[in-house]
Amino acid sequence: MSELNINITQKKYISEIELFQLTELINKVYKSSESEFWPSDGSYTRTNIDEIADFISKEEMIVAYLDSEIVGSVHIYPINKTTLGFGMLTCSLNHRKKGIGNELLKFIETYATKNHFKIIQLELLKPTFFSHPEKEFLAFWYQKWGYKHYETIPHEKLYFKQATMLKFPCKFDIFQKQL
């Protein structure tokens, strides 16, 4: 039986190859789930090696390994002294429905509690004028975990440059969980 290991990745423990694999995993998952949202000409990717390296240098990147394979990740960051944000929660397309996402959420919540955060917050990108099945599944999944819809913000209010690349108007549903 393979063992799932989840930890906050530190710069000294991740190789250049793993950094590349992690970045590719995130981009592959987002390309699969949000392909309708973004240009298909390659002008948009969810992240890049420099951004992931920066998150790792700040100890803001949680990585899940199954044996030695990177199978999931999530970016965590303090919003303020009491609120921990997270985003880019990904699970390898080859390892879905194995509980990796649940384990990543447990890790985030444990981390937040140990570090005295009172609230956990996430932004869920959704189309403004229609339902997207995967985004609706995620909204339901987060609510099952006790996250409550807090507010809705137009995409361009948070990330203007990125919003100009969208194929259609989108919004962020902000979810929070009180600890």
Foldseek 3Di string as FASTA:
>chain_A
DWDKDKDQAAPVPADPVNLVLVQVQLQVQCCVQCVQWFDPPPPDTPDDSVVSSVQNNVSQKMFMDGRNHTFWIKGWDDPDQAEIEIDSTGGGPVCPPVCPSVVVVVVVVVVNVVSRHFKYKYWQKAAPPDGRVVSVVVVVVVVVVVWDFDDKAWPCVPPVVVQVRTPHTIIIGMTMHGD
